[in-house]
PDB file of N, CA and C in Angstrom:
ATOM      1  N   MET A   1     153.729 108.517 106.632  1.00  0.00           N
ATOM      2  CA  MET A   1     153.271 107.220 106.639  1.00  0.00           C
ATOM      3  C   MET A   1     152.178 107.965 107.666  1.00  0.00           C
ATOM      4  N   PRO A   2     152.486 108.896 109.003  1.00  0.00           N
ATOM      5  CA  PRO A   2     151.402 109.480 109.910  1.00  0.00           C
ATOM      6  C   PRO A   2     150.281 110.331 109.357  1.00  0.00           C
ATOM      7  N   ALA A   3     150.520 110.754 108.284  1.00  0.00           N
ATOM      8  CA  ALA A   3     149.686 111.944 107.730  1.00  0.00           C
ATOM      9  C   ALA A   3     148.679 110.865 106.929  1.00  0.00           C
ATOM     10  N   LEU A   4     149.070 109.470 106.493  1.00  0.00           N
ATOM     11  CA  LEU A   4     148.285 108.473 105.532  1.00  0.00           C
ATOM     12  C   LEU A   4     147.508 108.007 106.641  1.00  0.00           C
ATOM     13  N   LEU A   5     148.021 107.863 107.477  1.00  0.00           N
ATOM     14  CA  LEU A   5     147.181 106.558 108.567  1.00  0.00           C
ATOM     15  C   LEU A   5     146.278 107.693 109.184  1.00  0.00           C
ATOM     16  N   ASP A   6     146.479 109.234 109.417  1.00  0.00           N
ATOM     17  CA  ASP A   6     145.830 109.902 109.585  1.00  0.00           C
ATOM     18  C   ASP A   6     144.448 110.192 108.853  1.00  0.00           C
ATOM     19  N   ALA A   7     144.534 110.333 107.804  1.00  0.00           N
ATOM     20  CA  ALA A   7     143.230 110.561 106.815  1.00  0.00           C
ATOM     21  C   ALA A   7     142.668 109.169 106.124  1.00  0.00           C
ATOM     22  N   CYS A   8     143.025 107.758 106.606  1.00  0.00           N
ATOM     23  CA  CYS A   8     142.898 106.649 106.334  1.00  0.00           C
ATOM     24  C   CYS A   8     142.060 106.319 107.543  1.00  0.00           C
ATOM     25  N   VAL A   9     142.235 106.619 108.672  1.00  0.00           N
ATOM     26  CA  VAL A   9     141.581 106.303 110.358  1.00  0.00           C
ATOM     27  C   VAL A   9     140.382 107.168 110.288  1.00  0.00           C
ATOM     28  N   ALA A  10     140.577 108.326 109.895  1.00  0.00           N
ATOM     29  CA  ALA A  10     139.469 109.203 109.993  1.00  0.00           C
ATOM     30  C   ALA A  10     138.448 109.025 109.030  1.00  0.00           C
ATOM     31  N   SER A  11     138.716 108.725 107.950  1.00  0.00           N
ATOM     32  CA  SER A  11     137.957 108.007 107.017  1.00  0.00           C
ATOM     33  C   SER A  11     137.153 106.648 107.397  1.00  0.00           C
ATOM     34  N   TRP A  12     137.971 105.776 108.017  1.00  0.00           N
ATOM     35  CA  TRP A  12     137.330 104.420 108.297  1.00  0.00           C
ATOM     36  C   TRP A  12     136.197 104.721 109.417  1.00  0.00           C
ATOM     37  N   LEU A  13     136.594 105.997 110.612  1.00  0.00           N
ATOM     38  CA  LEU A  13     136.116 105.715 111.598  1.00  0.00           C
ATOM     39  C   LEU A  13     134.784 107.224 111.260  1.00  0.00           C
ATOM     40  N   ALA A  14     134.711 107.936 110.471  1.00  0.00           N
ATOM     41  CA  ALA A  14     133.559 108.851 109.931  1.00  0.00           C
ATOM     42  C   ALA A  14     132.607 108.313 110.461  1.00  0.00           C
ATOM     43  N   ASP A  15     132.202 106.955 109.726  1.00  0.00           N
ATOM     44  CA  ASP A  15     130.903 106.611 110.064  1.00  0.00           C
ATOM     45  C   ASP A  15     130.263 106.010 111.595  1.00  0.00           C
ATOM     46  N   ALA A  16     131.374 105.773 112.388  1.00  0.00           N
ATOM     47  CA  ALA A  16     131.484 105.499 113.851  1.00  0.00           C
ATOM     48  C   ALA A  16     130.985 106.673 114.336  1.00  0.00           C
ATOM     49  N   GLN A  17     130.940 107.917 113.745  1.00  0.00           N
ATOM     50  CA  GLN A  17     130.827 109.096 114.504  1.00  0.00           C
ATOM     51  C   GLN A  17     129.382 110.058 113.707  1.00  0.00           C
ATOM     52  N   THR A  18     128.625 109.386 112.801  1.00  0.00           N
ATOM     53  CA  THR A  18     127.299 109.671 112.209  1.00  0.00           C
ATOM     54  C   THR A  18     126.524 109.653 113.285  1.00  0.00           C
ATOM     55  N   GLU A  19     125.195 109.922 113.015  1.00  0.00           N
ATOM     56  CA  GLU A  19     123.841 109.802 114.031  1.00  0.00           C
ATOM     57  C   GLU A  19     123.195 108.630 113.475  1.00  0.00           C
ATOM     58  N   TYR A  20     123.670 107.820 112.505  1.00  0.00           N
ATOM     59  CA  TYR A  20     123.208 106.619 112.385  1.00  0.00           C
ATOM     60  C   TYR A  20     122.430 105.912 113.648  1.00  0.00           C
ATOM     61  N   PRO A  21     121.641 105.059 113.535  1.00  0.00           N
ATOM     62  CA  PRO A  21     121.508 104.453 115.325  1.00  0.00           C
ATOM     63  C   PRO A  21     122.461 102.993 115.096  1.00  0.00           C
ATOM     64  N   ASP A  22     123.148 103.055 116.097  1.00  0.00           N
ATOM     65  CA  ASP A  22     124.362 101.855 116.598  1.00  0.00           C
ATOM     66  C   ASP A  22     123.635 100.629 116.394  1.00  0.00           C
ATOM     67  N   GLY A  23     122.360 100.369 116.566  1.00  0.00           N
ATOM     68  CA  GLY A  23     121.843  98.979 116.791  1.00  0.00           C
ATOM     69  C   GLY A  23     121.132  98.663 115.297  1.00  0.00           C
ATOM     70  N   LEU A  24     122.165  98.692 114.469  1.00  0.00           N
ATOM     71  CA  LEU A  24     121.578  98.459 112.702  1.00  0.00           C
ATOM     72  C   LEU A  24     121.256  96.701 112.626  1.00  0.00           C
ATOM     73  N   PRO A  25     120.662  96.253 112.208  1.00  0.00           N
ATOM     74  CA  PRO A  25     120.261  95.357 112.111  1.00  0.00           C
ATOM     75  C   PRO A  25     121.653  94.064 111.305  1.00  0.00           C
ATOM     76  N   ARG A  26     121.738  93.099 111.897  1.00  0.00           N
ATOM     77  CA  ARG A  26     123.298  92.574 111.471  1.00  0.00           C
ATOM     78  C   ARG A  26     122.906  91.354 110.328  1.00  0.00           C
ATOM     79  N   GLY A  27     123.851  91.166 109.558  1.00  0.00           N
ATOM     80  CA  GLY A  27     123.561  90.277 108.140  1.00  0.00           C
ATOM     81  C   GLY A  27     122.853  91.276 106.912  1.00  0.00           C
ATOM     82  N   HIS A  28     123.197  92.419 107.193  1.00  0.00           N
ATOM     83  CA  HIS A  28     122.771  93.435 106.144  1.00  0.00           C
ATOM     84  C   HIS A  28     124.234  94.351 105.849  1.00  0.00           C
ATOM     85  N   GLY A  29     125.338  94.142 106.059  1.00  0.00           N
ATOM     86  CA  GLY A  29     125.900  94.724 105.502  1.00  0.00           C
ATOM     87  C   GLY A  29     126.501  96.432 106.562  1.00  0.00           C
ATOM     88  N   CYS A  30     125.635  95.939 107.595  1.00  0.00           N
ATOM     89  CA  CYS A  30     125.703  97.341 108.924  1.00  0.00           C
ATOM     90  C   CYS A  30     126.689  96.857 109.719  1.00  0.00           C
ATOM     91  N   ILE A  31     127.878  97.762 110.234  1.00  0.00           N
ATOM     92  CA  ILE A  31     128.567  97.613 110.973  1.00  0.00           C
ATOM     93  C   ILE A  31     127.888  98.589 111.871  1.00  0.00           C
ATOM     94  N   GLY A  32     128.246  98.381 113.348  1.00  0.00           N
ATOM     95  CA  GLY A  32     127.790  99.021 114.549  1.00  0.00           C
ATOM     96  C   GLY A  32     129.005  99.866 114.791  1.00  0.00           C
ATOM     97  N   HIS A  33     128.828 101.135 115.596  1.00  0.00           N
ATOM     98  CA  HIS A  33     129.762 101.470 115.821  1.00  0.00           C
ATOM     99  C   HIS A  33     131.115 101.198 116.332  1.00  0.00           C
ATOM    100  N   GLU A  34     130.558 100.485 117.691  1.00  0.00           N
ATOM    101  CA  GLU A  34     131.969  99.938 118.385  1.00  0.00           C
ATOM    102  C   GLU A  34     132.316  98.809 117.633  1.00  0.00           C
ATOM    103  N   ASP A  35     131.580  97.758 117.143  1.00  0.00           N
ATOM    104  CA  ASP A  35     132.585  97.045 116.116  1.00  0.00           C
ATOM    105  C   ASP A  35     133.060  97.482 114.722  1.00  0.00           C
ATOM    106  N   LEU A  36     132.862  99.071 114.091  1.00  0.00           N
ATOM    107  CA  LEU A  36     133.582  99.618 113.219  1.00  0.00           C
ATOM    108  C   LEU A  36     135.114  99.869 113.850  1.00  0.00           C
ATOM    109  N   ALA A  37     135.125 100.622 115.205  1.00  0.00           N
ATOM    110  CA  ALA A  37     136.073 100.846 116.018  1.00  0.00           C
ATOM    111  C   ALA A  37     137.247  99.382 115.727  1.00  0.00           C
ATOM    112  N   ARG A  38     136.788  98.679 116.784  1.00  0.00           N
ATOM    113  CA  ARG A  38     137.164  96.915 117.175  1.00  0.00           C
ATOM    114  C   ARG A  38     137.836  96.669 115.298  1.00  0.00           C
ATOM    115  N   VAL A  39     137.094  96.907 114.696  1.00  0.00           N
ATOM    116  CA  VAL A  39     137.864  96.548 112.886  1.00  0.00           C
ATOM    117  C   VAL A  39     139.132  97.251 112.334  1.00  0.00           C
ATOM    118  N   VAL A  40     138.507  98.505 112.830  1.00  0.00           N
ATOM    119  CA  VAL A  40     140.133  99.258 112.344  1.00  0.00           C
ATOM    120  C   VAL A  40     140.998  99.006 113.529  1.00  0.00           C
ATOM    121  N   VAL A  41     140.913  99.165 114.261  1.00  0.00           N
ATOM    122  CA  VAL A  41     141.980  98.483 115.231  1.00  0.00           C
ATOM    123  C   VAL A  41     142.873  97.338 115.212  1.00  0.00           C
ATOM    124  N   GLU A  42     141.687  96.657 114.864  1.00  0.00           N
ATOM    125  CA  GLU A  42     142.391  94.608 114.358  1.00  0.00           C
ATOM    126  C   GLU A  42     142.920  95.065 112.798  1.00  0.00           C
ATOM    127  N   ALA A  43     142.384  95.666 112.095  1.00  0.00           N
ATOM    128  CA  ALA A  43     143.163  96.045 110.765  1.00  0.00           C
ATOM    129  C   ALA A  43     144.346  96.454 111.091  1.00  0.00           C
ATOM    130  N   LEU A  44     144.506  97.521 111.959  1.00  0.00           N
ATOM    131  CA  LEU A  44     146.016  98.170 111.791  1.00  0.00           C
ATOM    132  C   LEU A  44     147.267  97.268 112.647  1.00  0.00           C
ATOM    133  N   HIS A  45     146.739  96.895 113.346  1.00  0.00           N
ATOM    134  CA  HIS A  45     147.460  95.311 114.256  1.00  0.00           C
ATOM    135  C   HIS A  45     147.743  94.436 113.217  1.00  0.00           C
ATOM    136  N   VAL A  46     146.858  93.847 112.814  1.00  0.00           N
ATOM    137  CA  VAL A  46     146.808  92.307 112.115  1.00  0.00           C
ATOM    138  C   VAL A  46     147.312  92.438 110.603  1.00  0.00           C
ATOM    139  N   LEU A  47     147.018  93.620 110.213  1.00  0.00           N
ATOM    140  CA  LEU A  47     147.061  93.553 108.681  1.00  0.00           C
ATOM    141  C   LEU A  47     147.953  94.985 108.404  1.00  0.00           C
ATOM    142  N   ILE A  48     147.474  95.819 108.328  1.00  0.00           N
ATOM    143  CA  ILE A  48     148.792  97.237 108.294  1.00  0.00           C
ATOM    144  C   ILE A  48     150.048  97.162 108.546  1.00  0.00           C
ATOM    145  N   LEU A  49     150.045  97.213 109.805  1.00  0.00           N
ATOM    146  CA  LEU A  49     151.586  97.339 110.717  1.00  0.00           C
ATOM    147  C   LEU A  49     152.721  95.898 109.901  1.00  0.00           C
ATOM    148  N   PRO A  50     151.763  94.602 109.815  1.00  0.00           N
ATOM    149  CA  PRO A  50     152.968  93.435 109.356  1.00  0.00           C
ATOM    150  C   PRO A  50     153.043  93.701 107.942  1.00  0.00           C
ATOM    151  N   GLY A  51     152.028  94.557 107.495  1.00  0.00           N
ATOM    152  CA  GLY A  51     151.949  94.247 105.457  1.00  0.00           C
ATOM    153  C   GLY A  51     153.261  95.438 104.901  1.00  0.00           C
ATOM    154  N   LEU A  52     153.250  96.483 106.504  1.00  0.00           N
ATOM    155  CA  LEU A  52     154.592  97.274 105.908  1.00  0.00           C
ATOM    156  C   LEU A  52     155.778  96.519 106.115  1.00  0.00           C
ATOM    157  N   SER A  53     155.731  96.090 107.401  1.00  0.00           N
ATOM    158  CA  SER A  53     156.949  95.151 107.681  1.00  0.00           C
ATOM    159  C   SER A  53     157.346  93.919 106.361  1.00  0.00           C
ATOM    160  N   HIS A  54     156.042  93.349 105.832  1.00  0.00           N
ATOM    161  CA  HIS A  54     156.378  92.351 104.891  1.00  0.00           C
ATOM    162  C   HIS A  54     156.506  92.703 103.646  1.00  0.00           C
ATOM    163  N   VAL A  55     156.642  94.022 102.979  1.00  0.00           N
ATOM    164  CA  VAL A  55     157.326  94.899 102.044  1.00  0.00           C
ATOM    165  C   VAL A  55     158.178  95.650 102.296  1.00  0.00           C
ATOM    166  N   ARG A  56     159.218  95.546 103.431  1.00  0.00           N
ATOM    167  CA  ARG A  56     160.383  96.166 103.871  1.00  0.00           C
ATOM    168  C   ARG A  56     160.044  97.359 103.882  1.00  0.00           C
ATOM    169  N   VAL A  57     159.025  97.746 104.061  1.00  0.00           N
ATOM    170  CA  VAL A  57     158.474  99.417 104.412  1.00  0.00           C
ATOM    171  C   VAL A  57     158.896  99.451 106.047  1.00  0.00           C
ATOM    172  N   ASP A  58     159.605 100.580 106.196  1.00  0.00           N
ATOM    173  CA  ASP A  58     160.007 100.544 107.737  1.00  0.00           C
ATOM    174  C   ASP A  58     158.426 101.388 108.413  1.00  0.00           C
ATOM    175  N   ALA A  59     158.505 100.205 108.862  1.00  0.00           N
ATOM    176  CA  ALA A  59     156.893 100.478 110.131  1.00  0.00           C
ATOM    177  C   ALA A  59     156.897 100.891 111.419  1.00  0.00           C
ATOM    178  N   MET A  60     158.419 101.316 111.914  1.00  0.00           N
ATOM    179  CA  MET A  60     157.821 102.163 112.904  1.00  0.00           C
ATOM    180  C   MET A  60     157.467 103.363 113.627  1.00  0.00           C
ATOM    181  N   PRO A  61     157.123 104.357 112.187  1.00  0.00           N
ATOM    182  CA  PRO A  61     156.683 105.780 111.905  1.00  0.00           C
ATOM    183  C   PRO A  61     155.500 105.203 112.262  1.00  0.00           C
ATOM    184  N   ALA A  62     154.753 104.662 111.502  1.00  0.00           N
ATOM    185  CA  ALA A  62     153.577 103.915 111.731  1.00  0.00           C
ATOM    186  C   ALA A  62     152.808 103.093 113.174  1.00  0.00           C
ATOM    187  N   THR A  63     153.758 102.734 113.343  1.00  0.00           N
ATOM    188  CA  THR A  63     153.501 101.944 114.873  1.00  0.00           C
ATOM    189  C   THR A  63     153.733 102.655 115.754  1.00  0.00           C
ATOM    190  N   SER A  64     154.270 104.229 115.696  1.00  0.00           N
ATOM    191  CA  SER A  64     154.515 105.233 116.877  1.00  0.00           C
ATOM    192  C   SER A  64     152.555 105.666 116.553  1.00  0.00           C
ATOM    193  N   TRP A  65     152.262 106.416 115.341  1.00  0.00           N
ATOM    194  CA  TRP A  65     151.420 106.967 114.999  1.00  0.00           C
ATOM    195  C   TRP A  65     150.113 105.952 116.024  1.00  0.00           C
ATOM    196  N   VAL A  66     150.480 104.529 115.795  1.00  0.00           N
ATOM    197  CA  VAL A  66     149.211 104.344 116.421  1.00  0.00           C
ATOM    198  C   VAL A  66     149.077 103.755 117.754  1.00  0.00           C
ATOM    199  N   GLN A  67     150.154 103.991 118.325  1.00  0.00           N
ATOM    200  CA  GLN A  67     150.267 104.253 119.851  1.00  0.00           C
ATOM    201  C   GLN A  67     150.022 105.620 120.181  1.00  0.00           C
ATOM    202  N   ARG A  68     150.558 106.492 119.828  1.00  0.00           N
ATOM    203  CA  ARG A  68     149.976 108.060 120.007  1.00  0.00           C
ATOM    204  C   ARG A  68     148.800 108.174 119.676  1.00  0.00           C
ATOM    205  N   ALA A  69     148.216 107.565 118.534  1.00  0.00           N
ATOM    206  CA  ALA A  69     146.666 107.745 118.570  1.00  0.00           C
ATOM    207  C   ALA A  69     145.879 107.057 119.319  1.00  0.00           C
ATOM    208  N   GLY A  70     146.633 106.249 120.116  1.00  0.00           N
ATOM    209  CA  GLY A  70     145.484 105.556 121.157  1.00  0.00           C
ATOM    210  C   GLY A  70     144.995 104.501 120.721  1.00  0.00           C
ATOM    211  N   PHE A  71     145.641 103.710 119.729  1.00  0.00           N
ATOM    212  CA  PHE A  71     145.030 102.485 119.006  1.00  0.00           C
ATOM    213  C   PHE A  71     146.043 101.508 119.439  1.00  0.00           C
ATOM    214  N   GLY A  72     147.083 101.417 120.480  1.00  0.00           N
ATOM    215  CA  GLY A  72     147.377 100.179 120.859  1.00  0.00           C
ATOM    216  C   GLY A  72     146.453  99.173 121.531  1.00  0.00           C
ATOM    217  N   ARG A  73     147.141  98.325 121.674  1.00  0.00           N
ATOM    218  CA  ARG A  73     146.188  96.995 122.433  1.00  0.00           C
ATOM    219  C   ARG A  73     146.821  96.570 123.710  1.00  0.00           C
ATOM    220  N   GLY A  74     146.078  96.462 124.837  1.00  0.00           N
ATOM    221  CA  GLY A  74     146.238  95.949 126.010  1.00  0.00           C
ATOM    222  C   GLY A  74     146.063  94.919 126.294  1.00  0.00           C
ATOM    223  N   PRO A  75     146.314  94.070 127.083  1.00  0.00           N
ATOM    224  CA  PRO A  75     146.269  92.679 127.459  1.00  0.00           C
ATOM    225  C   PRO A  75     144.707  92.330 127.547  1.00  0.00           C
ATOM    226  N   ALA A  76     144.043  93.418 128.213  1.00  0.00           N
ATOM    227  CA  ALA A  76     142.731  92.763 128.691  1.00  0.00           C
ATOM    228  C   ALA A  76     141.747  93.924 127.625  1.00  0.00           C
ATOM    229  N   ASN A  77     142.384  94.719 126.822  1.00  0.00           N
ATOM    230  CA  ASN A  77     141.295  95.763 125.654  1.00  0.00           C
ATOM    231  C   ASN A  77     142.115  95.488 124.665  1.00  0.00           C
ATOM    232  N   ASN A  78     141.589  95.032 123.823  1.00  0.00           N
ATOM    233  CA  ASN A  78     142.024  95.221 122.272  1.00  0.00           C
ATOM    234  C   ASN A  78     140.975  96.175 121.156  1.00  0.00           C
ATOM    235  N   SER A  79     140.397  96.980 122.022  1.00  0.00           N
ATOM    236  CA  SER A  79     139.852  98.125 121.189  1.00  0.00           C
ATOM    237  C   SER A  79     140.270  99.164 121.489  1.00  0.00           C
ATOM    238  N   GLY A  80     140.047 100.145 120.408  1.00  0.00           N
ATOM    239  CA  GLY A  80     140.866 101.669 120.242  1.00  0.00           C
ATOM    240  C   GLY A  80     140.129 102.207 121.394  1.00  0.00           C
ATOM    241  N   PRO A  81     140.068 103.682 120.932  1.00  0.00           N
ATOM    242  CA  PRO A  81     139.415 105.041 121.358  1.00  0.00           C
ATOM    243  C   PRO A  81     137.444 104.892 120.939  1.00  0.00           C
TER     244      PRO A  81
END
């Protein structure tokens, strides 16, 4: 599971590391760098980890990876790196 998350999250965040401007127009399918990182963190916590548990896949390796990778959620900060 950690290797799969490494590959997927790196792919999802690749656009956040490109040189296109962050201030792209909203409503045209463009997601700014900061928003993209926030969406990835939200997907990990709301969709992926609960989805693994829902289909009875041991989510502990994935949960550990999320914490080690710095995508944890604190009470005041819901964004990743």
